[in-house]
Amino acid sequence: MVHKSKVAVAGAVAAVTLGVVFTTPPLASAEVAPVSSVMLTQGVTSAPFKIKANGNRKVLYRKAVVQPGASTGWHYHVGEEIAVINSGTFTRIDGSDCSVKKYGPGDALVEPVGPDTVHMGINNGTEPVELYVVDILPTDATAPSVPVPDPGCDTKGLTAGGRGK
């Protein structure tokens, strides 16, 4: 974020260099700053990833909320997805081997793309899971994910070690 003082100094140097003198009145307390930014959340991931884009893409930025006891259902993604857990505990089950991983506030997920990457997320906690998500999708995609049948993982009584098929 650029601080006002740096902008003012840079502007003053440019004005003197160009031989132009101008003043900018300070913002009144009721006025809106010309540029502002609010960080909604941040997260960390160790997952290696590349974003591939051949041709035009549409970018979705969304807030997703998974209520206690709810799940995303089994699905795969049609484009790249990066999500940050803002609150709650999110349990992700990988449909290929039924492995289980838990994510909490400050964790980031990088979801794989394609029908060979079926997975599901569950909120086994007592508070809603809030995620901020960026999807980078083909322009003809009608949704970021495609629902699929249960691959056979036992999701009852999940533990950190997962359950077999």
C-alpha atoms as a PDB file:
ATOM      1  CA  MET A   1       0.000   0.000   0.000  1.00  0.00           C
ATOM      2  CA  VAL A   2       1.371   3.429  -0.874  1.00  0.00           C
ATOM      3  CA  HIS A   3       1.285   5.912   1.954  1.00  0.00           C
ATOM      4  CA  LYS A   4      -0.070   9.430   1.372  1.00  0.00           C
ATOM      5  CA  SER A   5       3.259  10.980   2.381  1.00  0.00           C
ATOM      6  CA  LYS A   6       5.151   9.038  -0.321  1.00  0.00           C
ATOM      7  CA  VAL A   7       2.568  10.041  -2.903  1.00  0.00           C
ATOM      8  CA  ALA A   8       2.796  13.679  -1.814  1.00  0.00           C
ATOM      9  CA  VAL A   9       6.608  13.646  -1.996  1.00  0.00           C
ATOM     10  CA  ALA A  10       6.582  11.944  -5.408  1.00  0.00           C
ATOM     11  CA  GLY A  11       4.014  14.444  -6.658  1.00  0.00           C
ATOM     12  CA  ALA A  12       5.996  17.404  -5.348  1.00  0.00           C
ATOM     13  CA  VAL A  13       9.205  16.136  -6.992  1.00  0.00           C
ATOM     14  CA  ALA A  14       7.370  15.642 -10.283  1.00  0.00           C
ATOM     15  CA  ALA A  15       5.802  19.097 -10.080  1.00  0.00           C
ATOM     16  CA  VAL A  16       9.119  20.811  -9.383  1.00  0.00           C
ATOM     17  CA  THR A  17      10.846  18.807 -12.129  1.00  0.00           C
ATOM     18  CA  LEU A  18       8.142  19.773 -14.626  1.00  0.00           C
ATOM     19  CA  GLY A  19       8.028  23.383 -13.408  1.00  0.00           C
ATOM     20  CA  VAL A  20       4.385  22.983 -12.420  1.00  0.00           C
ATOM     21  CA  VAL A  21       3.025  24.126  -9.113  1.00  0.00           C
ATOM     22  CA  PHE A  22      -0.227  22.688  -7.825  1.00  0.00           C
ATOM     23  CA  THR A  23      -1.803  21.903  -4.526  1.00  0.00           C
ATOM     24  CA  THR A  24      -4.171  19.180  -3.525  1.00  0.00           C
ATOM     25  CA  PRO A  25      -6.512  20.053  -0.712  1.00  0.00           C
ATOM     26  CA  PRO A  26      -6.590  17.561   2.150  1.00  0.00           C
ATOM     27  CA  LEU A  27      -9.536  15.195   2.208  1.00  0.00           C
ATOM     28  CA  ALA A  28     -12.404  16.255   4.408  1.00  0.00           C
ATOM     29  CA  SER A  29     -13.328  13.577   6.931  1.00  0.00           C
ATOM     30  CA  ALA A  30     -16.562  12.781   5.040  1.00  0.00           C
ATOM     31  CA  GLU A  31     -14.828  12.348   1.661  1.00  0.00           C
ATOM     32  CA  VAL A  32     -13.738   8.981   0.319  1.00  0.00           C
ATOM     33  CA  ALA A  33     -10.073   8.384  -0.436  1.00  0.00           C
ATOM     34  CA  PRO A  34      -9.419   8.084  -4.184  1.00  0.00           C
ATOM     35  CA  VAL A  35      -7.922   4.611  -3.722  1.00  0.00           C
ATOM     36  CA  SER A  36      -8.495   2.256  -0.826  1.00  0.00           C
ATOM     37  CA  SER A  37      -7.881  -1.391  -0.097  1.00  0.00           C
ATOM     38  CA  VAL A  38      -9.143  -3.664   2.647  1.00  0.00           C
ATOM     39  CA  MET A  39      -7.529  -7.029   3.230  1.00  0.00           C
ATOM     40  CA  LEU A  40     -10.322  -9.514   3.825  1.00  0.00           C
ATOM     41  CA  THR A  41      -8.149 -12.475   4.761  1.00  0.00           C
ATOM     42  CA  GLN A  42      -4.783 -14.064   4.065  1.00  0.00           C
ATOM     43  CA  GLY A  43      -3.463 -17.588   4.088  1.00  0.00           C
ATOM     44  CA  VAL A  44      -0.385 -19.722   3.600  1.00  0.00           C
ATOM     45  CA  THR A  45       0.045 -22.870   1.520  1.00  0.00           C
ATOM     46  CA  SER A  46       2.982 -25.107   0.772  1.00  0.00           C
ATOM     47  CA  ALA A  47       1.203 -26.702  -2.199  1.00  0.00           C
ATOM     48  CA  PRO A  48       3.108 -26.262  -5.446  1.00  0.00           C
ATOM     49  CA  PHE A  49       0.942 -24.907  -8.233  1.00  0.00           C
ATOM     50  CA  LYS A  50       0.919 -23.272 -11.658  1.00  0.00           C
ATOM     51  CA  ILE A  51      -1.936 -21.408 -13.230  1.00  0.00           C
ATOM     52  CA  LYS A  52      -2.356 -22.316 -16.885  1.00  0.00           C
ATOM     53  CA  ALA A  53      -4.399 -20.052 -19.105  1.00  0.00           C
ATOM     54  CA  ASN A  54      -4.791 -20.742 -22.791  1.00  0.00           C
ATOM     55  CA  GLY A  55      -7.168 -18.166 -24.188  1.00  0.00           C
ATOM     56  CA  ASN A  56      -9.600 -15.978 -22.311  1.00  0.00           C
ATOM     57  CA  ARG A  57     -10.548 -16.748 -18.718  1.00  0.00           C
ATOM     58  CA  LYS A  58     -13.102 -15.378 -16.324  1.00  0.00           C
ATOM     59  CA  VAL A  59     -12.127 -14.742 -12.741  1.00  0.00           C
ATOM     60  CA  LEU A  60     -14.586 -15.217  -9.896  1.00  0.00           C
ATOM     61  CA  TYR A  61     -13.905 -13.841  -6.441  1.00  0.00           C
ATOM     62  CA  ARG A  62     -16.370 -15.117  -3.885  1.00  0.00           C
ATOM     63  CA  LYS A  63     -17.021 -15.709  -0.229  1.00  0.00           C
ATOM     64  CA  ALA A  64     -18.191 -19.235   0.564  1.00  0.00           C
ATOM     65  CA  VAL A  65     -19.736 -20.268   3.868  1.00  0.00           C
ATOM     66  CA  VAL A  66     -20.138 -23.909   4.954  1.00  0.00           C
ATOM     67  CA  GLN A  67     -22.472 -24.252   7.915  1.00  0.00           C
ATOM     68  CA  PRO A  68     -21.760 -26.717  10.765  1.00  0.00           C
ATOM     69  CA  GLY A  69     -22.582 -30.253   9.656  1.00  0.00           C
ATOM     70  CA  ALA A  70     -22.756 -29.290   5.957  1.00  0.00           C
ATOM     71  CA  SER A  71     -20.533 -30.405   3.087  1.00  0.00           C
ATOM     72  CA  THR A  72     -19.684 -29.217  -0.404  1.00  0.00           C
ATOM     73  CA  GLY A  73     -20.618 -32.610  -1.829  1.00  0.00           C
ATOM     74  CA  TRP A  74     -18.268 -34.595  -4.033  1.00  0.00           C
ATOM     75  CA  HIS A  75     -17.021 -32.524  -6.958  1.00  0.00           C
ATOM     76  CA  TYR A  76     -14.076 -31.523  -9.120  1.00  0.00           C
ATOM     77  CA  HIS A  77     -13.016 -28.103 -10.401  1.00  0.00           C
ATOM     78  CA  VAL A  78     -13.144 -26.975 -14.039  1.00  0.00           C
ATOM     79  CA  GLY A  79     -10.527 -24.266 -13.486  1.00  0.00           C
ATOM     80  CA  GLU A  80      -7.882 -23.275 -11.002  1.00  0.00           C
ATOM     81  CA  GLU A  81      -9.102 -22.430  -7.504  1.00  0.00           C
ATOM     82  CA  ILE A  82      -7.286 -20.864  -4.576  1.00  0.00           C
ATOM     83  CA  ALA A  83      -9.141 -20.553  -1.271  1.00  0.00           C
ATOM     84  CA  VAL A  84      -8.215 -19.080   2.097  1.00  0.00           C
ATOM     85  CA  ILE A  85      -9.907 -20.229   5.294  1.00  0.00           C
ATOM     86  CA  ASN A  86     -10.932 -17.124   7.201  1.00  0.00           C
ATOM     87  CA  SER A  87     -12.734 -18.834  10.087  1.00  0.00           C
ATOM     88  CA  GLY A  88     -13.768 -22.294  11.215  1.00  0.00           C
ATOM     89  CA  THR A  89     -12.221 -25.700  10.533  1.00  0.00           C
ATOM     90  CA  PHE A  90     -12.639 -27.235   7.091  1.00  0.00           C
ATOM     91  CA  THR A  91     -12.065 -30.944   6.521  1.00  0.00           C
ATOM     92  CA  ARG A  92     -11.140 -31.941   2.956  1.00  0.00           C
ATOM     93  CA  ILE A  93     -11.425 -35.544   1.733  1.00  0.00           C
ATOM     94  CA  ASP A  94      -9.527 -36.610  -1.385  1.00  0.00           C
ATOM     95  CA  GLY A  95     -11.651 -39.049  -3.396  1.00  0.00           C
ATOM     96  CA  SER A  96      -8.658 -40.840  -4.943  1.00  0.00           C
ATOM     97  CA  ASP A  97      -7.387 -42.318  -1.671  1.00  0.00           C
ATOM     98  CA  CYS A  98      -9.928 -41.115   0.942  1.00  0.00           C
ATOM     99  CA  SER A  99      -7.183 -39.165   2.728  1.00  0.00           C
ATOM    100  CA  VAL A 100      -8.308 -36.411   5.060  1.00  0.00           C
ATOM    101  CA  LYS A 101      -6.734 -33.044   5.788  1.00  0.00           C
ATOM    102  CA  LYS A 102      -7.991 -30.302   8.088  1.00  0.00           C
ATOM    103  CA  TYR A 103      -7.601 -26.590   7.398  1.00  0.00           C
ATOM    104  CA  GLY A 104      -8.111 -23.702   9.795  1.00  0.00           C
ATOM    105  CA  PRO A 105      -7.950 -19.905   9.769  1.00  0.00           C
ATOM    106  CA  GLY A 106      -4.946 -18.682   7.805  1.00  0.00           C
ATOM    107  CA  ASP A 107      -4.582 -21.886   5.769  1.00  0.00           C
ATOM    108  CA  ALA A 108      -4.865 -21.738   1.992  1.00  0.00           C
ATOM    109  CA  LEU A 109      -6.003 -24.479  -0.356  1.00  0.00           C
ATOM    110  CA  VAL A 110      -4.953 -24.812  -3.971  1.00  0.00           C
ATOM    111  CA  GLU A 111      -7.436 -27.140  -5.606  1.00  0.00           C
ATOM    112  CA  PRO A 112      -6.435 -29.344  -8.537  1.00  0.00           C
ATOM    113  CA  VAL A 113      -8.355 -29.234 -11.829  1.00  0.00           C
ATOM    114  CA  GLY A 114     -10.194 -31.990 -13.655  1.00  0.00           C
ATOM    115  CA  PRO A 115     -12.342 -35.082 -13.232  1.00  0.00           C
ATOM    116  CA  ASP A 116      -9.436 -37.112 -11.806  1.00  0.00           C
ATOM    117  CA  THR A 117      -9.314 -34.810  -8.750  1.00  0.00           C
ATOM    118  CA  VAL A 118     -12.622 -35.542  -7.005  1.00  0.00           C
ATOM    119  CA  HIS A 119     -12.875 -34.278  -3.441  1.00  0.00           C
ATOM    120  CA  MET A 120     -15.292 -32.982  -0.811  1.00  0.00           C
ATOM    121  CA  GLY A 121     -15.147 -30.481   2.035  1.00  0.00           C
ATOM    122  CA  ILE A 122     -17.003 -30.923   5.332  1.00  0.00           C
ATOM    123  CA  ASN A 123     -17.580 -28.644   8.293  1.00  0.00           C
ATOM    124  CA  ASN A 124     -17.481 -30.936  11.336  1.00  0.00           C
ATOM    125  CA  GLY A 125     -17.133 -27.960  13.681  1.00  0.00           C
ATOM    126  CA  THR A 126     -19.612 -25.886  15.638  1.00  0.00           C
ATOM    127  CA  GLU A 127     -19.090 -22.585  13.793  1.00  0.00           C
ATOM    128  CA  PRO A 128     -19.483 -21.738  10.106  1.00  0.00           C
ATOM    129  CA  VAL A 129     -16.429 -22.131   7.878  1.00  0.00           C
ATOM    130  CA  GLU A 130     -15.820 -18.941   5.927  1.00  0.00           C
ATOM    131  CA  LEU A 131     -13.595 -19.127   2.846  1.00  0.00           C
ATOM    132  CA  TYR A 132     -12.546 -16.475   0.359  1.00  0.00           C
ATOM    133  CA  VAL A 133     -12.120 -18.077  -3.042  1.00  0.00           C
ATOM    134  CA  VAL A 134     -10.625 -17.089  -6.396  1.00  0.00           C
ATOM    135  CA  ASP A 135     -11.610 -19.230  -9.378  1.00  0.00           C
ATOM    136  CA  ILE A 136      -9.905 -18.847 -12.763  1.00  0.00           C
ATOM    137  CA  LEU A 137     -12.271 -20.483 -15.231  1.00  0.00           C
ATOM    138  CA  PRO A 138     -12.703 -21.044 -18.947  1.00  0.00           C
ATOM    139  CA  THR A 139     -15.110 -18.389 -20.237  1.00  0.00           C
ATOM    140  CA  ASP A 140     -17.703 -21.022 -21.165  1.00  0.00           C
ATOM    141  CA  ALA A 141     -17.802 -22.542 -17.654  1.00  0.00           C
ATOM    142  CA  THR A 142     -21.230 -22.283 -16.047  1.00  0.00           C
ATOM    143  CA  ALA A 143     -19.963 -23.057 -12.526  1.00  0.00           C
ATOM    144  CA  PRO A 144     -16.574 -23.464 -10.834  1.00  0.00           C
ATOM    145  CA  SER A 145     -17.154 -27.133 -10.062  1.00  0.00           C
ATOM    146  CA  VAL A 146     -18.969 -30.223 -11.301  1.00  0.00           C
ATOM    147  CA  PRO A 147     -20.837 -32.494  -8.851  1.00  0.00           C
ATOM    148  CA  VAL A 148     -19.961 -36.194  -9.056  1.00  0.00           C
ATOM    149  CA  PRO A 149     -21.094 -39.423  -7.368  1.00  0.00           C
ATOM    150  CA  ASP A 150     -19.558 -40.551  -4.079  1.00  0.00           C
ATOM    151  CA  PRO A 151     -16.270 -42.337  -4.907  1.00  0.00           C
ATOM    152  CA  GLY A 152     -16.799 -44.721  -1.982  1.00  0.00           C
ATOM    153  CA  CYS A 153     -15.037 -42.985   0.898  1.00  0.00           C
ATOM    154  CA  ASP A 154     -16.510 -43.500   4.370  1.00  0.00           C
ATOM    155  CA  THR A 155     -17.144 -39.966   5.641  1.00  0.00           C
ATOM    156  CA  LYS A 156     -18.796 -40.942   8.934  1.00  0.00           C
ATOM    157  CA  GLY A 157     -16.610 -40.357  11.984  1.00  0.00           C
ATOM    158  CA  LEU A 158     -13.722 -38.859  10.035  1.00  0.00           C
ATOM    159  CA  THR A 159     -10.379 -38.592  11.803  1.00  0.00           C
ATOM    160  CA  ALA A 160      -7.150 -36.855  10.782  1.00  0.00           C
ATOM    161  CA  GLY A 161      -5.914 -40.155   9.331  1.00  0.00           C
ATOM    162  CA  GLY A 162      -8.897 -40.702   7.058  1.00  0.00           C
ATOM    163  CA  ARG A 163     -10.838 -43.867   6.325  1.00  0.00           C
ATOM    164  CA  GLY A 164     -10.453 -46.414   3.585  1.00  0.00           C
ATOM    165  CA  LYS A 165     -12.795 -47.042   0.715  1.00  0.00           C
END
